Protein backbone atom coordinates (compact mmCIF):
# COMPACT_ATOMS: atom_id res chain seq x y z
CA MET A 1 11.11 20.37 79.80
CA SER A 2 9.32 20.62 76.55
CA ILE A 3 9.99 18.27 73.69
CA ASN A 4 9.27 19.41 70.12
CA VAL A 5 7.89 16.63 68.04
CA SER A 6 7.88 17.24 64.38
CA PRO A 7 4.87 15.56 62.51
CA VAL A 8 5.73 12.68 60.21
CA THR A 9 4.70 13.47 56.56
CA ASP A 10 4.76 11.43 53.42
CA ARG A 11 4.29 14.43 51.17
CA PRO A 12 6.67 14.13 48.30
CA SER A 13 9.46 16.59 47.98
CA ARG A 14 9.46 19.30 45.35
CA PRO A 15 11.52 17.36 42.76
CA GLN A 16 9.10 14.42 43.06
CA ARG A 17 5.99 16.65 42.72
CA SER A 18 7.65 18.19 39.54
CA ARG A 19 8.17 14.64 38.14
CA TRP A 20 4.57 13.60 38.96
CA ARG A 21 3.41 16.91 37.18
CA TRP A 22 5.43 16.25 34.24
CA LEU A 23 4.21 12.63 33.92
CA LYS A 24 0.58 13.71 34.45
CA TRP A 25 0.99 16.26 31.52
CA LEU A 26 2.68 13.62 29.38
CA LEU A 27 -0.15 11.17 29.94
CA TRP A 28 -2.75 13.75 29.07
CA GLY A 29 -0.69 14.60 25.98
CA VAL A 30 -0.76 11.00 24.89
CA VAL A 31 -4.50 10.59 25.53
CA GLY A 32 -5.01 13.89 23.64
CA LEU A 33 -2.95 12.59 20.56
CA VAL A 34 -4.74 9.14 20.77
CA VAL A 35 -8.16 11.18 20.56
CA PHE A 36 -7.08 14.04 18.37
CA ILE A 37 -5.30 12.26 15.47
CA PRO A 38 -8.21 9.81 14.64
CA LEU A 39 -10.65 12.69 15.15
CA CYS A 40 -8.50 14.74 12.56
CA GLY A 41 -8.57 11.77 10.27
CA THR A 42 -12.21 11.38 10.54
CA VAL A 43 -12.78 15.14 9.85
CA TYR A 44 -10.44 14.81 6.88
CA GLU A 45 -12.32 11.78 5.33
CA PHE A 46 -15.68 13.38 6.03
CA VAL A 47 -14.70 16.73 4.23
CA SER A 48 -13.04 14.85 1.56
CA ARG A 49 -16.17 12.90 0.73
CA MET A 50 -18.29 15.96 0.89
CA ARG A 51 -15.91 17.54 -1.49
CA ALA A 52 -15.94 14.61 -3.88
CA ALA A 53 -19.88 14.50 -3.84
CA ARG A 54 -19.77 18.22 -4.71
CA GLU A 55 -17.07 18.11 -7.44
CA TYR A 56 -18.29 14.84 -9.03
CA PRO A 57 -22.06 14.73 -9.13
CA VAL A 58 -23.74 11.53 -10.18
CA PRO A 59 -23.25 10.94 -14.02
CA GLY A 60 -26.71 9.84 -15.27
CA LYS A 61 -28.95 8.97 -12.44
CA LEU A 62 -29.47 6.87 -9.34
CA VAL A 63 -32.14 4.14 -9.74
CA ASP A 64 -34.02 2.28 -6.87
CA ILE A 65 -33.71 -1.46 -7.21
CA GLY A 66 -35.58 -2.33 -4.00
CA GLY A 67 -34.12 -0.35 -1.04
CA ARG A 68 -30.86 0.44 -2.71
CA ARG A 69 -29.90 2.77 -5.47
CA LEU A 70 -27.53 2.09 -8.35
CA GLN A 71 -25.94 4.61 -10.58
CA ILE A 72 -26.53 4.35 -14.31
CA ASP A 73 -25.50 6.64 -17.20
CA CYS A 74 -27.31 6.11 -20.51
CA ARG A 75 -26.47 8.07 -23.45
CA GLY A 76 -27.61 8.10 -27.09
CA SER A 77 -30.73 6.24 -28.76
CA GLY A 78 -31.31 3.15 -30.94
CA SER A 79 -31.39 -0.53 -30.62
CA PRO A 80 -29.59 -2.66 -29.46
CA THR A 81 -28.67 -1.13 -26.27
CA VAL A 82 -25.01 -1.61 -25.31
CA VAL A 83 -24.42 -2.35 -21.59
CA PHE A 84 -20.89 -1.95 -20.43
CA GLU A 85 -19.56 -4.01 -17.37
CA ALA A 86 -16.50 -2.94 -15.69
CA GLY A 87 -13.77 -5.22 -14.21
CA LEU A 88 -12.56 -5.75 -10.72
CA ASP A 89 -11.57 -2.25 -10.02
CA THR A 90 -13.36 0.72 -8.45
CA HIS A 91 -13.77 2.92 -11.68
CA GLY A 92 -17.43 2.02 -11.92
CA SER A 93 -19.14 3.53 -15.03
CA LEU A 94 -15.91 5.76 -15.58
CA SER A 95 -14.12 2.64 -16.88
CA TRP A 96 -15.85 3.42 -20.23
CA ALA A 97 -15.16 7.08 -20.30
CA ALA A 98 -13.17 6.98 -23.42
CA VAL A 99 -15.57 4.83 -25.44
CA GLN A 100 -19.15 5.48 -24.37
CA ASP A 101 -19.77 8.73 -26.22
CA ASP A 102 -18.49 7.37 -29.53
CA VAL A 103 -20.75 4.31 -29.09
CA ALA A 104 -23.82 6.42 -28.28
CA LYS A 105 -23.39 8.22 -31.64
CA THR A 106 -25.03 5.11 -33.27
CA THR A 107 -27.12 3.39 -30.56
CA ARG A 108 -27.92 3.58 -26.88
CA ALA A 109 -25.00 3.07 -24.58
CA CYS A 110 -25.31 2.34 -20.81
CA ALA A 111 -22.52 2.28 -18.17
CA TYR A 112 -23.15 1.69 -14.55
CA SER A 113 -21.47 1.32 -11.20
CA ARG A 114 -21.91 -1.87 -9.30
CA ALA A 115 -23.13 -2.05 -5.74
CA GLY A 116 -20.80 -0.18 -3.30
CA ILE A 117 -18.76 1.25 -6.14
CA MET A 118 -18.45 5.00 -6.62
CA TRP A 119 -22.06 6.49 -6.34
CA SER A 120 -23.89 3.26 -5.99
CA ASP A 121 -25.40 2.03 -2.48
CA PRO A 122 -23.55 -0.95 -1.19
CA HIS A 123 -25.04 -4.48 -1.06
CA ALA A 124 -25.25 -5.94 2.60
CA GLY A 125 -24.61 -9.55 1.42
CA PRO A 126 -21.92 -11.38 -0.75
CA GLN A 127 -21.00 -9.74 -3.98
CA ASN A 128 -20.64 -12.50 -6.64
CA GLY A 129 -21.77 -13.21 -10.10
CA THR A 130 -25.24 -14.16 -9.10
CA THR A 131 -25.87 -11.01 -6.92
CA VAL A 132 -24.18 -8.57 -9.45
CA VAL A 133 -26.27 -10.06 -12.33
CA ALA A 134 -29.50 -9.72 -10.33
CA ASP A 135 -28.65 -6.12 -9.44
CA LEU A 136 -27.88 -5.29 -13.16
CA HIS A 137 -31.28 -7.08 -14.32
CA ALA A 138 -33.29 -5.03 -11.80
CA LEU A 139 -31.30 -1.80 -12.55
CA LEU A 140 -32.01 -2.11 -16.39
CA ALA A 141 -35.69 -2.89 -15.89
CA ASN A 142 -36.23 -0.07 -13.25
CA ALA A 143 -34.30 2.35 -15.45
CA GLY A 144 -36.65 1.69 -18.26
CA GLU A 145 -33.83 0.22 -20.60
CA LYS A 146 -35.28 -2.30 -23.08
CA PRO A 147 -33.56 -5.38 -24.62
CA PRO A 148 -32.06 -6.68 -26.81
CA PHE A 149 -28.67 -5.86 -25.07
CA VAL A 150 -25.24 -6.20 -26.42
CA LEU A 151 -23.04 -6.79 -23.17
CA VAL A 152 -19.56 -5.52 -23.10
CA GLY A 153 -17.36 -6.89 -20.27
CA HIS A 154 -13.83 -6.00 -19.31
CA SER A 155 -11.88 -8.28 -17.11
CA LEU A 156 -14.05 -9.69 -14.44
CA GLY A 157 -16.89 -8.16 -16.23
CA GLY A 158 -16.60 -11.07 -18.65
CA PRO A 159 -17.85 -13.76 -16.16
CA TYR A 160 -20.46 -11.40 -15.10
CA VAL A 161 -21.85 -10.72 -18.69
CA MET A 162 -21.79 -14.64 -19.26
CA THR A 163 -23.69 -15.20 -16.06
CA TYR A 164 -26.29 -12.52 -17.34
CA THR A 165 -26.41 -14.25 -20.50
CA LYS A 166 -27.02 -17.66 -18.73
CA ASN A 167 -29.82 -16.16 -16.53
CA TYR A 168 -31.60 -13.87 -19.16
CA GLY A 169 -30.38 -15.30 -22.47
CA ASP A 170 -33.55 -13.97 -24.29
CA GLN A 171 -32.37 -10.34 -23.65
CA VAL A 172 -28.78 -10.82 -24.85
CA ALA A 173 -28.15 -10.39 -28.68
CA GLY A 174 -24.46 -9.99 -28.91
CA LEU A 175 -21.29 -9.67 -26.61
CA VAL A 176 -17.85 -8.19 -26.51
CA PHE A 177 -14.99 -9.26 -24.32
CA VAL A 178 -12.44 -6.70 -23.44
CA ASP A 179 -9.35 -8.75 -22.06
CA ALA A 180 -11.93 -10.64 -20.05
CA SER A 181 -11.36 -13.19 -17.51
CA HIS A 182 -12.06 -16.86 -18.14
CA PRO A 183 -13.84 -19.30 -15.89
CA ASP A 184 -10.78 -21.65 -15.75
CA GLN A 185 -8.02 -19.08 -15.37
CA LEU A 186 -7.30 -19.64 -11.74
CA GLN A 187 -6.63 -23.45 -12.37
CA ARG A 188 -4.66 -22.83 -15.58
CA PHE A 189 -2.52 -20.06 -14.18
CA GLN A 190 -1.74 -22.20 -11.16
CA ALA A 191 -0.68 -25.14 -13.41
CA VAL A 192 1.89 -23.13 -15.53
CA ASN A 193 3.29 -21.01 -12.59
CA PRO A 194 3.00 -23.07 -9.40
CA LYS A 195 3.41 -20.82 -6.39
CA GLY A 196 4.72 -21.67 -2.91
CA GLU A 197 2.40 -21.71 0.16
CA LYS A 198 3.41 -18.36 1.38
CA GLU A 199 2.64 -16.80 -2.04
CA ARG A 200 -0.78 -18.54 -2.24
CA ALA A 201 -1.48 -17.44 1.44
CA ALA A 202 -0.66 -13.88 0.59
CA GLU A 203 -3.10 -14.07 -2.50
CA GLU A 204 -5.85 -15.50 -0.12
CA ASN A 205 -5.31 -12.88 2.32
CA GLN A 206 -5.48 -10.11 -0.06
CA ALA A 207 -9.33 -9.67 -0.01
CA ARG A 208 -9.16 -9.86 3.89
CA VAL A 209 -6.65 -7.12 3.91
CA MET A 210 -8.88 -4.98 1.62
CA SER A 211 -11.78 -5.69 3.92
CA ILE A 212 -9.92 -4.66 7.00
CA GLY A 213 -8.76 -1.33 5.00
CA ALA A 214 -12.38 -0.59 4.17
CA LYS A 215 -13.41 -0.78 7.84
CA LEU A 216 -10.51 1.80 8.61
CA ALA A 217 -11.59 4.02 5.75
CA TRP A 218 -13.18 6.39 8.26
CA SER A 219 -9.90 7.25 9.73
CA GLY A 220 -8.58 8.93 6.38
CA LEU A 221 -5.56 6.53 6.21
CA VAL A 222 -6.95 4.58 3.20
CA ARG A 223 -7.47 7.96 1.27
CA ILE A 224 -3.76 9.09 2.11
CA ALA A 225 -2.32 5.78 1.09
CA ALA A 226 -4.41 5.46 -2.10
CA ALA A 227 -3.07 8.58 -3.47
CA SER A 228 0.43 7.33 -3.55
CA MET A 229 -0.05 3.68 -4.13
CA LEU A 230 -2.89 3.23 -6.70
CA SER A 231 -2.18 3.51 -10.36
CA LEU A 232 -2.67 1.64 -13.69
CA PRO A 233 0.82 0.40 -14.35
CA ASN A 234 1.92 0.14 -18.01
CA VAL A 235 -1.15 2.05 -19.08
CA ARG A 236 -0.18 5.29 -21.34
CA PRO A 237 -1.25 8.31 -19.28
CA THR A 238 -3.55 10.61 -21.23
CA PRO A 239 -5.48 13.69 -19.83
CA LEU A 240 -8.90 11.65 -19.87
CA LEU A 241 -7.32 8.82 -17.90
CA ASP A 242 -5.73 11.28 -15.40
CA SER A 243 -9.24 12.80 -14.84
CA VAL A 244 -10.99 9.51 -14.46
CA HIS A 245 -8.12 8.22 -12.12
CA LYS A 246 -8.35 11.19 -9.97
CA GLU A 247 -12.11 10.82 -9.76
CA MET A 248 -11.83 7.21 -8.89
CA LEU A 249 -9.33 8.00 -6.14
CA ASP A 250 -11.65 10.50 -4.48
CA PHE A 251 -14.17 7.61 -3.99
CA PHE A 252 -11.79 4.91 -3.38
CA PRO A 253 -12.42 4.64 0.38
CA ILE A 254 -16.00 4.26 -0.20
CA SER A 255 -15.59 1.63 -2.92
CA LEU A 256 -12.89 -0.52 -1.25
CA ASP A 257 -15.28 -2.82 0.65
CA ALA A 258 -17.40 -3.87 -2.38
CA ALA A 259 -14.02 -4.50 -4.27
CA ALA A 260 -12.89 -6.75 -1.51
CA LYS A 261 -16.33 -8.61 -1.48
CA GLU A 262 -15.74 -9.31 -5.39
CA MET A 263 -12.47 -10.40 -4.90
CA SER A 264 -13.49 -12.91 -2.11
CA ALA A 265 -16.11 -14.25 -4.29
CA LEU A 266 -13.81 -14.97 -7.40
CA PRO A 267 -14.10 -18.86 -7.25
CA ASP A 268 -17.97 -18.71 -6.98
CA THR A 269 -18.20 -16.03 -9.68
CA PHE A 270 -15.96 -18.22 -12.13
CA ALA A 271 -17.94 -21.32 -11.28
CA GLU A 272 -21.23 -19.71 -12.03
CA ALA A 273 -19.96 -18.19 -15.24
CA GLY A 274 -18.46 -21.45 -16.44
CA LYS A 275 -21.87 -23.13 -16.63
CA LEU A 276 -22.62 -21.44 -19.91
CA ARG A 277 -19.99 -21.84 -22.70
CA ARG A 278 -22.41 -21.99 -25.68
CA LEU A 279 -23.58 -18.60 -27.06
CA GLY A 280 -25.35 -19.92 -30.22
CA ASP A 281 -24.75 -17.72 -33.15
CA ARG A 282 -24.69 -14.47 -31.14
CA PRO A 283 -22.04 -12.08 -32.52
CA LEU A 284 -18.96 -12.14 -30.26
CA VAL A 285 -15.81 -10.22 -30.31
CA VAL A 286 -12.97 -11.21 -28.03
CA LEU A 287 -10.12 -8.45 -27.56
CA THR A 288 -6.85 -9.40 -25.93
CA GLY A 289 -4.16 -6.84 -24.78
CA ALA A 290 -0.90 -8.16 -25.49
CA ARG A 291 1.45 -5.18 -24.95
CA PRO A 292 4.74 -6.63 -23.36
CA TYR A 293 4.83 -6.02 -19.63
CA SER A 294 7.32 -3.29 -18.40
CA GLU A 295 9.99 -3.97 -15.88
CA GLU A 296 7.94 -1.80 -13.44
CA MET A 297 4.95 -4.13 -13.95
CA MET A 298 6.88 -7.33 -13.45
CA LYS A 299 8.34 -5.99 -10.29
CA LEU A 300 4.91 -4.90 -9.06
CA ILE A 301 3.37 -8.53 -9.69
CA GLY A 302 6.61 -10.22 -8.48
CA MET A 303 7.15 -12.25 -11.72
CA THR A 304 10.19 -12.94 -13.99
CA ARG A 305 9.92 -12.35 -17.70
CA GLU A 306 9.78 -16.15 -18.28
CA GLN A 307 6.91 -16.41 -15.79
CA VAL A 308 5.14 -13.68 -17.53
CA ASN A 309 5.71 -15.15 -20.94
CA ARG A 310 4.02 -18.44 -19.68
CA MET A 311 1.03 -16.55 -18.28
CA VAL A 312 0.62 -14.50 -21.39
CA ALA A 313 0.58 -17.74 -23.49
CA VAL A 314 -2.08 -19.22 -21.34
CA TRP A 315 -4.10 -15.84 -21.51
CA LEU A 316 -4.20 -16.08 -25.25
CA GLU A 317 -5.16 -19.73 -25.22
CA LEU A 318 -8.14 -18.91 -22.82
CA HIS A 319 -9.22 -16.07 -25.05
CA ASN A 320 -8.96 -18.29 -28.14
CA ASP A 321 -11.26 -20.61 -26.17
CA GLU A 322 -13.73 -17.75 -25.61
CA ALA A 323 -13.99 -17.11 -29.25
CA THR A 324 -15.12 -20.60 -29.83
CA TRP A 325 -18.25 -20.14 -27.65
CA SER A 326 -20.14 -18.70 -30.55
CA SER A 327 -20.28 -19.70 -34.03
CA ARG A 328 -19.69 -16.09 -35.01
CA GLY A 329 -16.80 -15.52 -32.54
CA GLU A 330 -13.78 -13.55 -33.48
CA HIS A 331 -10.54 -12.98 -31.62
CA GLU A 332 -8.42 -9.83 -32.11
CA VAL A 333 -4.96 -9.53 -30.28
CA LEU A 334 -3.77 -5.91 -29.69
CA ASN A 335 0.01 -5.75 -29.31
CA ASP A 336 -0.06 -1.96 -28.33
CA ALA A 337 -2.65 -2.36 -25.58
CA THR A 338 -2.36 -3.40 -21.81
CA HIS A 339 -5.22 -5.08 -19.93
CA TYR A 340 -6.97 -1.74 -19.79
CA ILE A 341 -7.70 -1.76 -23.71
CA GLN A 342 -10.51 0.66 -23.37
CA PHE A 343 -7.93 3.27 -22.15
CA ASP A 344 -4.94 2.24 -24.40
CA ARG A 345 -6.92 1.62 -27.58
CA PRO A 346 -10.47 2.99 -27.24
CA ASP A 347 -10.79 2.95 -31.04
CA ALA A 348 -10.55 -0.84 -30.98
CA VAL A 349 -13.23 -1.32 -28.35
CA ILE A 350 -15.52 1.11 -30.26
CA ALA A 351 -14.80 -0.77 -33.49
CA ALA A 352 -15.70 -4.16 -31.84
CA VAL A 353 -18.79 -2.81 -30.26
CA ARG A 354 -19.95 -1.32 -33.54
CA LYS A 355 -19.25 -4.53 -35.31
CA VAL A 356 -21.39 -6.60 -32.91
CA VAL A 357 -24.19 -4.03 -33.13
CA ALA A 358 -24.19 -4.01 -36.93
CA GLN A 359 -24.40 -7.81 -37.03
CA VAL A 360 -27.36 -7.75 -34.39
CA ARG A 361 -29.16 -5.47 -36.56
CA GLU A 362 -28.66 -7.51 -39.71
CA PRO A 363 -31.07 -10.38 -40.63
CA SER A 364 -29.55 -13.47 -39.22
CA PRO A 365 -30.41 -17.11 -38.68
CA SER A 366 -32.39 -17.80 -35.46
CA LEU A 367 -30.29 -17.82 -32.44
CA GLN A 368 -29.17 -21.39 -31.55
CA PRO A 369 -30.23 -22.46 -28.12
CA ASP A 370 -27.76 -21.88 -25.33
CA VAL A 371 -26.44 -25.12 -24.03
CA PRO A 372 -25.11 -24.83 -20.50
CA SER A 373 -22.13 -27.17 -20.36
CA PRO A 374 -19.69 -28.14 -17.56
CA ALA A 375 -16.05 -27.21 -17.58
CA PRO A 376 -14.08 -29.54 -19.80
CA ALA A 377 -12.07 -32.08 -17.84
CA SER A 378 -8.84 -30.70 -19.30
CA ALA A 379 -9.45 -27.28 -18.15
CA ALA A 380 -9.23 -28.13 -14.43
CA GLN A 381 -5.94 -29.96 -14.81
């Protein structure tokens, strides 16, 4: 008698094999997406940067300052040379596109982009008032630009030009503040508009978030987000502003890390600038943009009308104080201009610069010595 014994097998049935095959393809699909999507983003970012470099060549020139190159654009001729310093944004030299050519009709006018902004090489270390001013000093010297200088600072550019004046006072003949920041503003704003711990933490984390975004810029995500999120709220659009804004957006992923560093360094930058509050008899014009905030703008910054009014009142007080730093200081309030006066009222900026240039050219008493002074006790309250 024969006995047939069928071999025991653990081979999966056909339905099981089909499921495993489906899962395998699904797994490979997920892996493919994980690799393919970032690769596409990287290619998109690379191509976008190449296109930006091709469409927007360096205005002016790149100047070596010791292993790094900074972009500077100088036009016109004459003395004193006007040097424009942008605020805490990523427009670089383009911040002054609406005013530079007119100023250059009567004297030399230079605008530049700080380290890591637009066409300029980044700085490996911190980016505070001290490093920014050292860069600018080296840039002007290596570019062959000679003092005396009239320094024009917008927003955070105000503390930067004050620090330049503190460090290289013999080169500075006059100044123009374009809605410039004040060394005491953080404390003063906090005093009139106390914020909760969550709001303060959010502000402190902003630079960190920007820094993380800069590290992800290679993925193309920052470029995509910037196109839909970044704007200059409350500023009247013009063909020139639209052109400048488009150019800035194309370089934004490159510039973001430098802006994050500057934001992180705000307390140090303000503290350094606050050491000088005496400009002698140097001509000084302080411009304030006082156009009422739109509902859109208040929503964006998360403030009520009452809070904004308190902040604006402090802003005017701070600018009044800035005008007292020189015996020839003047303060002009522009009710039809926002923080970006150079875009809303370029004529006012041009007039202020020309006024200071004319005063520098006039025979005048010898400059009084600069007297570095600590912040008044009342300012820190």
